[in-house]
């Protein structure tokens, strides 16, 4: 992990949302892309925040349809302002940081994701524990450990 760089394993061009977009768009993006983290960017595409599935659930309770599918009432979410819910001052890494550094940070701070940004703070990727597990699974299969 000390010799694996984030640029080699990060999810490139992750899903983002504009800071002035309606909050209900977050739930739409979660559902459409099957994700749990949405990075919030300003009009210069600079990272300004993060919204997680946990953040959404803390302010709006999901409903369950007759088919057993969870969803959010759009009208409830429309009353919430994205800027008020998002987490600000997000720790980020660069694509040249190592996987070791990312895992160390996730464990130490209990992060569910770490955005990867360029020198202008533009979002270029994201790394999650699932990405790390996928890499371990792939290496384990390749080396006959699994």
Protein backbone atom coordinates (compact mmCIF):
# COMPACT_ATOMS: atom_id res chain seq x y z
CA UNK A 1 0.00 0.00 0.00
CA UNK A 2 2.95 2.32 0.51
CA UNK A 3 3.76 2.08 -3.19
CA UNK A 4 0.21 2.29 -4.55
CA UNK A 5 -0.80 5.79 -5.55
CA UNK A 6 -4.34 7.09 -5.35
CA UNK A 7 -4.32 8.02 -9.03
CA UNK A 8 -4.11 4.29 -9.78
CA UNK A 9 -7.12 3.19 -7.71
CA UNK A 10 -9.35 6.20 -7.04
CA UNK A 11 -12.74 6.53 -8.65
CA UNK A 12 -12.10 9.22 -11.23
CA UNK A 13 -14.62 12.00 -11.90
CA UNK A 14 -16.85 11.22 -8.91
CA UNK A 15 -20.42 12.44 -8.68
CA UNK A 16 -20.65 16.07 -7.60
CA UNK A 17 -23.42 18.54 -6.94
CA UNK A 18 -23.36 22.32 -7.15
CA UNK A 19 -23.54 24.12 -3.81
CA UNK A 20 -26.66 26.02 -4.90
CA UNK A 21 -28.58 23.00 -6.20
CA UNK A 22 -31.69 21.81 -4.35
CA UNK A 23 -31.08 19.34 -1.54
CA UNK A 24 -33.44 16.74 -3.03
CA UNK A 25 -30.92 16.30 -5.87
CA UNK A 26 -28.59 14.59 -3.38
CA UNK A 27 -31.07 11.73 -2.88
CA UNK A 28 -31.60 11.50 -6.63
CA UNK A 29 -27.84 11.19 -7.17
CA UNK A 30 -27.52 8.54 -4.45
CA UNK A 31 -30.22 6.45 -6.08
CA UNK A 32 -29.16 7.01 -9.69
CA UNK A 33 -25.49 6.17 -9.10
CA UNK A 34 -25.76 3.72 -6.18
CA UNK A 35 -23.46 5.82 -4.00
CA UNK A 36 -23.40 7.12 -0.42
CA UNK A 37 -21.22 10.23 -0.79
CA UNK A 38 -21.72 13.31 -2.96
CA UNK A 39 -19.05 15.96 -3.20
CA UNK A 40 -20.28 19.57 -3.21
CA UNK A 41 -18.54 22.03 -5.53
CA UNK A 42 -18.81 25.75 -6.22
CA UNK A 43 -19.11 27.46 -9.60
CA UNK A 44 -15.33 27.04 -10.14
CA UNK A 45 -15.63 23.27 -9.52
CA UNK A 46 -13.71 23.66 -6.27
CA UNK A 47 -14.62 21.34 -3.42
CA UNK A 48 -16.62 23.16 -0.73
CA UNK A 49 -18.33 20.29 1.07
CA UNK A 50 -19.55 16.72 1.31
CA UNK A 51 -22.96 15.15 1.90
CA UNK A 52 -23.23 11.53 2.99
CA UNK A 53 -26.16 9.15 3.23
CA UNK A 54 -25.84 9.47 7.01
CA UNK A 55 -26.13 13.27 6.74
CA UNK A 56 -29.32 12.96 4.71
CA UNK A 57 -30.84 10.43 7.12
CA UNK A 58 -30.05 12.75 10.03
CA UNK A 59 -32.26 15.51 8.62
CA UNK A 60 -34.90 13.58 6.65
CA UNK A 61 -36.25 10.14 7.47
CA UNK A 62 -36.56 7.83 4.50
CA UNK A 63 -39.93 6.28 3.76
CA UNK A 64 -40.54 2.70 2.68
CA UNK A 65 -42.76 1.94 -0.30
CA UNK A 66 -45.17 -1.00 -0.45
CA UNK A 67 -42.51 -2.80 -2.51
CA UNK A 68 -40.01 -2.37 0.32
CA UNK A 69 -37.91 0.28 -1.42
CA UNK A 70 -36.69 3.23 0.64
CA UNK A 71 -37.17 6.74 -0.72
CA UNK A 72 -37.26 10.34 0.43
CA UNK A 73 -40.21 12.67 0.09
CA UNK A 74 -39.08 15.30 -2.38
CA UNK A 75 -41.28 17.97 -0.77
CA UNK A 76 -39.60 17.39 2.62
CA UNK A 77 -36.15 17.60 1.09
CA UNK A 78 -37.01 20.72 -0.92
CA UNK A 79 -37.31 22.67 2.34
CA UNK A 80 -33.71 21.95 3.31
CA UNK A 81 -30.77 24.03 2.12
CA UNK A 82 -27.78 22.01 0.97
CA UNK A 83 -25.25 24.48 2.41
CA UNK A 84 -26.76 23.95 5.88
CA UNK A 85 -26.42 20.16 5.80
CA UNK A 86 -23.11 19.58 4.04
CA UNK A 87 -19.90 19.01 5.94
CA UNK A 88 -17.38 21.75 5.27
CA UNK A 89 -13.60 21.85 5.63
CA UNK A 90 -13.11 18.40 4.18
CA UNK A 91 -9.70 16.79 4.42
CA UNK A 92 -8.47 15.91 0.96
CA UNK A 93 -5.56 14.12 -0.64
CA UNK A 94 -3.81 14.48 -3.99
CA UNK A 95 -3.59 11.82 -6.66
CA UNK A 96 0.09 11.39 -5.80
CA UNK A 97 -0.61 10.46 -2.18
CA UNK A 98 -0.34 6.79 -1.33
CA UNK A 99 -3.07 4.33 -0.51
CA UNK A 100 -1.31 3.80 2.82
CA UNK A 101 -1.80 7.48 3.65
CA UNK A 102 -5.49 7.31 2.67
CA UNK A 103 -6.16 4.17 4.71
CA UNK A 104 -4.31 5.61 7.69
CA UNK A 105 -6.47 8.75 7.51
CA UNK A 106 -9.72 6.76 7.10
CA UNK A 107 -8.91 4.61 10.12
CA UNK A 108 -7.65 7.43 12.33
CA UNK A 109 -10.54 9.81 11.61
CA UNK A 110 -13.22 7.19 10.78
CA UNK A 111 -13.83 8.67 7.32
CA UNK A 112 -16.11 6.94 4.86
CA UNK A 113 -14.44 8.66 1.93
CA UNK A 114 -11.64 11.01 1.05
CA UNK A 115 -11.94 13.37 -1.91
CA UNK A 116 -8.94 13.60 -4.22
CA UNK A 117 -8.30 17.09 -5.56
CA UNK A 118 -5.78 18.83 -7.80
CA UNK A 119 -3.73 21.90 -6.85
CA UNK A 120 -6.72 24.17 -7.62
CA UNK A 121 -8.95 22.15 -5.22
CA UNK A 122 -10.92 20.78 -8.18
CA UNK A 123 -12.34 17.32 -7.52
CA UNK A 124 -10.62 14.68 -9.63
CA UNK A 125 -11.43 11.53 -7.65
CA UNK A 126 -12.63 9.88 -4.49
CA UNK A 127 -11.41 6.93 -2.44
CA UNK A 128 -13.65 4.87 -0.13
CA UNK A 129 -13.12 1.79 2.02
CA UNK A 130 -14.96 -0.19 -0.68
CA UNK A 131 -12.27 0.80 -3.19
CA UNK A 132 -9.61 -0.47 -0.79
CA UNK A 133 -11.48 -3.75 -0.28
CA UNK A 134 -11.84 -4.21 -4.05
CA UNK A 135 -8.09 -3.77 -4.45
CA UNK A 136 -7.36 -6.27 -1.66
CA UNK A 137 -9.76 -8.77 -3.19
CA UNK A 138 -8.17 -8.37 -6.61
CA UNK A 139 -4.64 -8.77 -5.21
CA UNK A 140 -5.69 -11.71 -3.06
CA UNK A 141 -7.21 -13.51 -6.06
CA UNK A 142 -4.16 -12.72 -8.21
CA UNK A 143 -1.77 -14.08 -5.58
CA UNK A 144 -3.93 -17.12 -4.85
CA UNK A 145 -4.66 -16.05 -1.29
CA UNK A 146 -8.41 -16.07 -1.78
